[in-house]
Amino acid sequence: MTTGLQIGDVKIAGRVLMAPMTGITDLPFRVLASRLGAAYVATEMVAAAELARARPDVVRRAAVGGGLPLTVIQLVGGDPAAMAEGARMAEAAGADIIDLNFGCPAKEVTGAACGSALMRTPDQAARIMEAVVQAVSRPVSVKMRLGWDENSHNAPDLARRAEDLGVAAVTVHGRTRKQFYTGVADWDAVAEVKQAVAIPVIVNGDIITAEQAREALSRSGADALMLGRGVYGRPWLAAHLERALADGTRLREPDREERLAIVVEHLRASVAFYGLPLGLKMFRKHLGWYIEQAPWPADPAQRRAAKARLCRLETPDEVETALATLWRDVTYLGNFAVENETQVSEVAA
């Protein structure tokens, strides 16, 4: 696997990208994942119309900061003018790439004729792409699904329209909107998009292990891959997958001391960014995933009990102490590589 990906005039120093995820890829997470070696981590989905109105929580989702190799801001919306204005604001804030969300399956998003609902109205999607491309000088990318349902796999057609309008890259999640996250991602169907366009195509969906990454790239022919839910509790995954793909080795997971340091860094960054008590509240879902994804304690029931206990603690100091105690009391395994990637895939899914 060759290194690097070109999107417009932006050179990305890797081909394992992290998807924009609401409630996950906030600034503390993006800075942490970048420090751990991720080459590309997008913002949370940002509502363009609300960004233009400067709604505080939406502005916070688009927050940029130091420590990022590049800034990718994803916008969602159904009105071309509002999306264009949001894109101009994103560019002014320092976005290197502006990504358009045509893939979110959530009912509150599709109900507003946004996200993957735009795959049902390709003319409107085209008007949005045209307005945004003309509004900014930065490269514009689009994240989409295969289509609305199994009877309307129109991703190749929409990707062709995107390319004709000046979009620089497309990411395709190998499911329809109707599937949400059920079933399995169809990487072969992404190959139809790759064959339809000359711009970079990024494959997304059900990629957690190095074996899955290799297969997704092979079957789709894609130029790069994008991780989604697999990074829950594993912000190092993009960097470690990048290395595993480059040298053909198994995926390496952090040892106990490394993992503890990462969790503490993330906790402190969340508190610094949001303040208390919100910072701890926002971090709890990550804490739960960190505990679930760790191999200690070995018994899943004990991990679940620990998760329930630690996620009720009310101060960051209590969390740090309890987590250190939890992982200090188990058998120390040292550095380890994943021997059974299927098992890790099932845990992370």
Protein backbone atom coordinates (compact mmCIF):
# COMPACT_ATOMS: atom_id res chain seq x y z
CA MET A 1 0.00 0.00 0.00
CA THR A 2 1.57 3.25 -1.10
CA THR A 3 1.55 6.16 1.31
CA GLY A 4 -0.30 9.40 0.91
CA LEU A 5 -3.46 10.61 -0.75
CA GLN A 6 -4.03 13.74 -2.81
CA ILE A 7 -7.35 15.59 -2.47
CA GLY A 8 -7.26 18.66 -4.63
CA ASP A 9 -4.18 20.60 -3.59
CA VAL A 10 -4.02 18.90 -0.19
CA LYS A 11 -1.54 16.09 0.36
CA ILE A 12 -2.62 13.70 3.11
CA ALA A 13 0.22 11.75 4.70
CA GLY A 14 -1.66 8.48 4.84
CA ARG A 15 -4.53 6.47 3.40
CA VAL A 16 -6.32 5.46 6.58
CA LEU A 17 -8.74 8.28 7.38
CA MET A 18 -11.10 8.85 10.30
CA ALA A 19 -14.72 9.67 9.54
CA PRO A 20 -16.64 12.63 10.91
CA MET A 21 -18.79 11.32 13.77
CA THR A 22 -21.25 13.35 15.80
CA GLY A 23 -20.42 13.28 19.49
CA ILE A 24 -17.10 11.52 18.81
CA THR A 25 -14.67 13.53 16.67
CA ASP A 26 -14.69 16.71 18.72
CA LEU A 27 -11.52 18.76 19.01
CA PRO A 28 -10.05 16.82 21.99
CA PHE A 29 -10.48 13.53 20.13
CA ARG A 30 -9.08 14.91 16.86
CA VAL A 31 -5.99 16.35 18.54
CA LEU A 32 -5.38 13.09 20.41
CA ALA A 33 -5.82 10.88 17.34
CA SER A 34 -3.54 13.19 15.36
CA ARG A 35 -0.86 13.07 18.03
CA LEU A 36 -1.07 9.29 17.92
CA GLY A 37 -0.37 9.40 14.18
CA ALA A 38 -3.70 9.78 12.36
CA ALA A 39 -3.22 11.73 9.14
CA TYR A 40 -6.85 12.80 8.68
CA VAL A 41 -9.59 13.23 11.29
CA ALA A 42 -12.71 15.16 10.31
CA THR A 43 -14.86 17.28 12.58
CA GLU A 44 -18.23 16.25 13.83
CA MET A 45 -21.07 16.84 11.38
CA VAL A 46 -21.72 20.60 11.41
CA ALA A 47 -25.13 22.02 10.46
CA ALA A 48 -24.29 24.75 7.95
CA ALA A 49 -27.35 26.90 8.63
CA GLU A 50 -26.78 26.82 12.39
CA LEU A 51 -23.08 27.56 11.91
CA ALA A 52 -24.03 30.69 9.99
CA ARG A 53 -26.26 31.69 12.91
CA ALA A 54 -23.32 31.11 15.28
CA ARG A 55 -25.22 28.66 17.50
CA PRO A 56 -22.65 27.97 20.24
CA ASP A 57 -22.79 24.16 20.26
CA VAL A 58 -22.55 24.02 16.46
CA VAL A 59 -19.62 26.43 16.39
CA ARG A 60 -17.92 24.23 18.98
CA ARG A 61 -18.30 21.20 16.69
CA ALA A 62 -16.38 23.05 14.00
CA ALA A 63 -13.65 24.13 16.41
CA VAL A 64 -10.12 24.12 15.07
CA GLY A 65 -6.91 24.16 17.03
CA GLY A 66 -3.23 23.40 17.10
CA GLY A 67 -1.84 19.90 16.89
CA LEU A 68 -3.78 18.90 13.77
CA PRO A 69 -1.97 17.92 10.55
CA LEU A 70 -4.91 19.30 8.61
CA THR A 71 -8.44 20.51 9.29
CA VAL A 72 -11.42 18.85 7.64
CA ILE A 73 -14.81 20.39 8.41
CA GLN A 74 -17.91 18.43 7.43
CA LEU A 75 -21.10 20.32 6.67
CA VAL A 76 -24.67 19.05 6.52
CA GLY A 77 -27.70 20.82 5.15
CA GLY A 78 -30.25 20.85 2.37
CA ASP A 79 -30.15 24.47 1.19
CA PRO A 80 -27.45 25.39 -1.37
CA ALA A 81 -27.13 28.99 -0.19
CA ALA A 82 -26.78 28.01 3.47
CA MET A 83 -24.26 25.31 2.61
CA ALA A 84 -22.25 27.78 0.56
CA GLU A 85 -22.23 30.27 3.44
CA GLY A 86 -21.23 27.54 5.87
CA ALA A 87 -18.41 26.56 3.53
CA ARG A 88 -17.16 30.13 3.37
CA MET A 89 -17.14 30.26 7.17
CA ALA A 90 -15.33 26.94 7.34
CA GLU A 91 -12.69 28.18 4.91
CA ALA A 92 -12.26 31.40 6.90
CA ALA A 93 -11.82 29.30 10.06
CA GLY A 94 -8.92 27.45 8.46
CA ALA A 95 -10.45 24.36 6.83
CA ASP A 96 -8.07 22.59 4.47
CA ILE A 97 -10.87 20.41 3.09
CA ILE A 98 -14.64 20.92 3.23
CA ASP A 99 -16.65 17.70 3.28
CA LEU A 100 -20.35 17.50 2.43
CA ASN A 101 -22.56 15.00 4.23
CA PHE A 102 -24.83 13.08 1.87
CA GLY A 103 -24.66 9.92 3.96
CA CYS A 104 -26.01 10.40 7.49
CA PRO A 105 -28.97 8.00 7.95
CA ALA A 106 -30.36 9.50 11.18
CA LYS A 107 -34.08 10.21 10.98
CA GLU A 108 -33.73 13.73 12.34
CA VAL A 109 -31.31 14.48 9.50
CA THR A 110 -33.08 12.73 6.63
CA GLY A 111 -36.39 14.11 7.87
CA ALA A 112 -35.03 17.58 7.13
CA ALA A 113 -34.10 16.49 3.58
CA CYS A 114 -30.41 16.40 4.51
CA GLY A 115 -27.75 13.72 4.78
CA SER A 116 -28.55 10.53 2.88
CA ALA A 117 -31.97 11.93 1.94
CA LEU A 118 -30.14 13.92 -0.72
CA MET A 119 -29.44 10.67 -2.55
CA ARG A 120 -33.18 10.62 -3.29
CA THR A 121 -32.94 14.13 -4.78
CA PRO A 122 -29.72 14.10 -6.84
CA ASP A 123 -30.58 17.37 -8.58
CA GLN A 124 -30.72 19.12 -5.21
CA ALA A 125 -27.50 17.40 -4.18
CA ALA A 126 -25.91 18.70 -7.37
CA ARG A 127 -27.09 22.25 -6.64
CA ILE A 128 -25.49 22.04 -3.19
CA MET A 129 -22.20 20.72 -4.59
CA GLU A 130 -22.09 23.40 -7.26
CA ALA A 131 -22.83 26.19 -4.77
CA VAL A 132 -20.16 25.04 -2.33
CA VAL A 133 -17.47 24.44 -4.94
CA GLN A 134 -18.05 27.92 -6.37
CA ALA A 135 -18.08 29.53 -2.90
CA VAL A 136 -14.64 28.41 -1.71
CA SER A 137 -11.10 27.91 -2.91
CA ARG A 138 -10.48 24.82 -0.77
CA PRO A 139 -11.05 21.28 -2.06
CA VAL A 140 -14.55 19.94 -1.54
CA SER A 141 -15.28 16.27 -0.89
CA VAL A 142 -18.55 14.37 -0.49
CA LYS A 143 -19.40 11.47 1.81
CA MET A 144 -22.32 9.36 0.60
CA ARG A 145 -23.92 5.92 0.82
CA LEU A 146 -24.64 3.44 -1.96
CA GLY A 147 -28.12 4.89 -2.29
CA TRP A 148 -31.37 5.26 -0.40
CA ASP A 149 -32.31 1.58 -0.58
CA GLU A 150 -31.46 -1.60 -2.47
CA ASN A 151 -33.51 -0.45 -5.46
CA SER A 152 -31.64 2.83 -5.88
CA HIS A 153 -27.87 2.31 -5.87
CA ASN A 154 -27.15 5.68 -7.46
CA ALA A 155 -23.75 6.37 -5.87
CA PRO A 156 -21.87 5.98 -9.21
CA ASP A 157 -24.16 8.49 -10.92
CA LEU A 158 -23.95 10.96 -8.05
CA ALA A 159 -20.17 10.59 -7.93
CA ARG A 160 -19.96 11.36 -11.66
CA ARG A 161 -22.01 14.50 -11.14
CA ALA A 162 -19.78 15.44 -8.22
CA GLU A 163 -16.66 15.08 -10.35
CA ASP A 164 -18.18 17.14 -13.17
CA LEU A 165 -19.00 19.91 -10.67
CA GLY A 166 -15.45 20.09 -9.32
CA VAL A 167 -15.67 17.91 -6.22
CA ALA A 168 -12.19 16.59 -5.43
CA ALA A 169 -12.95 13.23 -3.76
CA VAL A 170 -15.83 11.02 -2.67
CA THR A 171 -16.19 8.64 0.27
CA VAL A 172 -18.70 5.82 -0.03
CA HIS A 173 -20.13 3.88 2.91
CA GLY A 174 -20.98 0.46 1.55
CA ARG A 175 -24.56 0.43 2.81
CA THR A 176 -27.81 2.07 1.79
CA ARG A 177 -29.64 4.48 4.04
CA LYS A 178 -32.34 1.88 4.61
CA GLN A 179 -29.73 -0.47 6.08
CA PHE A 180 -28.50 2.10 8.61
CA TYR A 181 -25.70 0.00 10.18
CA THR A 182 -27.27 -3.45 9.82
CA GLY A 183 -25.97 -6.23 7.61
CA VAL A 184 -22.51 -5.90 6.14
CA ALA A 185 -20.86 -3.19 4.07
CA ASP A 186 -20.74 -4.02 0.35
CA TRP A 187 -17.18 -3.15 -0.67
CA ASP A 188 -17.75 -4.63 -4.14
CA ALA A 189 -20.45 -2.03 -4.79
CA VAL A 190 -17.97 0.72 -3.96
CA ALA A 191 -15.88 -0.57 -6.88
CA GLU A 192 -18.65 0.62 -9.21
CA VAL A 193 -18.09 4.16 -7.93
CA LYS A 194 -14.34 3.83 -8.37
CA GLN A 195 -14.86 2.74 -11.98
CA ALA A 196 -17.18 5.69 -12.63
CA VAL A 197 -14.80 8.53 -11.71
CA ALA A 198 -11.18 9.59 -11.90
CA ILE A 199 -11.12 11.51 -8.60
CA PRO A 200 -10.07 9.65 -5.42
CA VAL A 201 -12.62 7.25 -3.95
CA ILE A 202 -12.49 6.32 -0.26
CA VAL A 203 -14.16 3.14 0.99
CA ASN A 204 -15.97 3.17 4.34
CA GLY A 205 -17.87 0.64 6.43
CA ASP A 206 -16.98 -2.37 8.62
CA ILE A 207 -13.24 -1.74 8.56
CA ILE A 208 -11.64 -2.45 11.92
CA THR A 209 -8.83 -4.94 11.43
CA ALA A 210 -5.85 -4.99 9.09
CA GLU A 211 -7.34 -8.00 7.34
CA GLN A 212 -10.59 -6.14 6.71
CA ALA A 213 -8.68 -3.06 5.53
CA ARG A 214 -6.73 -5.07 2.97
CA GLU A 215 -9.87 -6.80 1.73
CA ALA A 216 -11.89 -3.57 1.51
CA LEU A 217 -9.17 -1.89 -0.55
CA SER A 218 -8.77 -4.92 -2.78
CA ARG A 219 -12.46 -5.46 -3.46
CA SER A 220 -13.34 -1.79 -3.90
CA GLY A 221 -10.21 -0.68 -5.72
CA ALA A 222 -10.46 2.46 -3.59
CA ASP A 223 -7.61 4.92 -3.16
CA ALA A 224 -7.98 5.01 0.62
CA LEU A 225 -10.19 3.81 3.44
CA MET A 226 -12.14 5.55 6.18
CA LEU A 227 -12.71 4.27 9.70
CA GLY A 228 -15.92 4.87 11.60
CA ARG A 229 -17.23 3.04 14.64
CA GLY A 230 -14.05 0.96 14.91
CA VAL A 231 -12.23 3.90 16.49
CA TYR A 232 -14.54 3.95 19.52
CA GLY A 233 -12.15 3.53 22.42
CA ARG A 234 -9.22 3.18 20.00
CA PRO A 235 -8.07 6.63 18.80
CA TRP A 236 -4.76 5.03 17.80
CA LEU A 237 -6.42 2.72 15.26
CA ALA A 238 -5.81 4.80 12.12
CA ALA A 239 -2.10 5.14 12.80
CA HIS A 240 -1.67 1.49 13.76
CA LEU A 241 -3.62 0.28 10.73
CA GLU A 242 -1.49 2.50 8.52
CA ARG A 243 1.64 0.80 9.81
CA ALA A 244 0.14 -2.69 9.59
CA LEU A 245 -0.84 -2.13 5.96
CA ALA A 246 2.56 -0.70 5.12
CA ASP A 247 4.65 -3.53 6.52
CA GLY A 248 2.22 -6.44 6.37
CA THR A 249 2.30 -7.10 10.10
CA ARG A 250 -0.51 -7.74 12.54
CA LEU A 251 -2.26 -4.84 14.17
CA ARG A 252 -0.48 -3.80 17.36
CA GLU A 253 -2.48 -2.59 20.35
CA PRO A 254 -1.11 -0.32 23.11
CA ASP A 255 0.08 -1.94 26.32
CA ARG A 256 -1.39 -1.10 29.72
CA GLU A 257 0.80 1.92 30.46
CA GLU A 258 0.35 3.38 26.97
CA ARG A 259 -3.38 2.89 27.09
CA LEU A 260 -3.72 4.46 30.52
CA ALA A 261 -1.70 7.50 29.42
CA ILE A 262 -3.92 7.92 26.34
CA VAL A 263 -7.13 7.76 28.37
CA VAL A 264 -5.87 10.26 30.94
CA GLU A 265 -4.71 12.63 28.20
CA HIS A 266 -8.12 12.42 26.55
CA LEU A 267 -9.94 13.02 29.85
CA ARG A 268 -7.88 16.08 30.70
CA ALA A 269 -8.26 17.50 27.19
CA SER A 270 -12.03 17.06 27.33
CA VAL A 271 -12.24 18.86 30.67
CA ALA A 272 -9.99 21.66 29.42
CA PHE A 273 -12.07 22.10 26.25
CA TYR A 274 -15.59 21.91 27.71
CA GLY A 275 -14.98 22.81 31.36
CA LEU A 276 -16.64 21.03 34.27
CA PRO A 277 -19.01 19.28 34.59
CA LEU A 278 -19.64 19.10 30.82
CA GLY A 279 -16.14 17.91 29.99
CA LEU A 280 -16.47 14.84 32.20
CA LYS A 281 -19.99 14.16 30.92
CA MET A 282 -18.81 14.31 27.30
CA PHE A 283 -15.91 12.00 28.11
CA ARG A 284 -17.92 9.24 29.76
CA LYS A 285 -18.94 7.56 26.52
CA HIS A 286 -15.27 7.44 25.51
CA LEU A 287 -14.35 6.07 28.94
CA GLY A 288 -16.88 3.28 28.52
CA TRP A 289 -15.40 2.34 25.16
CA TYR A 290 -11.84 2.46 26.48
CA ILE A 291 -12.78 -0.03 29.19
CA GLU A 292 -14.73 -2.26 26.79
CA GLN A 293 -11.85 -2.36 24.29
CA ALA A 294 -9.11 -3.12 26.82
CA PRO A 295 -8.14 -6.78 27.35
CA TRP A 296 -8.14 -6.28 31.13
CA PRO A 297 -9.97 -7.57 33.06
CA ALA A 298 -10.19 -10.66 30.86
CA ASP A 299 -13.76 -11.38 31.87
CA PRO A 300 -16.20 -9.22 29.82
CA ALA A 301 -18.64 -9.19 32.73
CA GLN A 302 -15.98 -7.64 34.95
CA ARG A 303 -15.28 -5.02 32.28
CA ARG A 304 -18.96 -4.16 32.07
CA ALA A 305 -19.16 -3.82 35.85
CA ALA A 306 -16.06 -1.61 35.88
CA LYS A 307 -17.51 0.54 33.11
CA ALA A 308 -20.74 1.05 35.05
CA ARG A 309 -18.82 1.97 38.19
CA LEU A 310 -16.29 4.34 36.62
CA CYS A 311 -18.86 6.14 34.48
CA ARG A 312 -20.72 7.18 37.63
CA LEU A 313 -17.73 8.92 39.19
CA GLU A 314 -18.14 12.67 39.56
CA THR A 315 -14.62 14.12 39.32
CA PRO A 316 -11.74 13.65 36.87
CA ASP A 317 -9.37 12.76 39.72
CA GLU A 318 -11.66 9.95 40.81
CA VAL A 319 -11.76 8.61 37.27
CA GLU A 320 -7.97 8.69 36.90
CA THR A 321 -7.43 6.93 40.22
CA ALA A 322 -10.09 4.28 39.61
CA LEU A 323 -8.87 3.50 36.11
CA ALA A 324 -5.26 3.18 37.24
CA THR A 325 -6.37 0.89 40.05
CA LEU A 326 -8.48 -1.23 37.69
CA TRP A 327 -5.64 -1.83 35.26
CA ARG A 328 -3.00 -2.16 37.98
CA ASP A 329 -4.89 -4.99 39.64
CA VAL A 330 -4.99 -7.20 36.57
CA THR A 331 -2.28 -9.41 35.14
CA TYR A 332 0.13 -7.24 33.20
CA LEU A 333 0.40 -8.46 29.61
CA GLY A 334 2.98 -6.03 28.24
CA ASN A 335 3.12 -5.19 24.52
CA PHE A 336 0.87 -7.40 22.46
CA ALA A 337 -0.26 -7.83 18.91
CA VAL A 338 -3.75 -8.85 18.00
CA GLU A 339 -3.65 -12.59 17.40
CA ASN A 340 -7.30 -12.96 16.52
CA GLU A 341 -8.47 -9.95 14.54
CA THR A 342 -11.94 -11.40 14.12
CA GLN A 343 -12.43 -11.30 17.88
CA VAL A 344 -11.34 -7.66 18.00
CA SER A 345 -13.70 -6.88 15.13
CA GLU A 346 -16.63 -8.38 17.00
CA VAL A 347 -15.82 -6.43 20.16
CA ALA A 348 -15.40 -3.13 18.34
CA ALA A 349 -18.39 -3.41 16.02
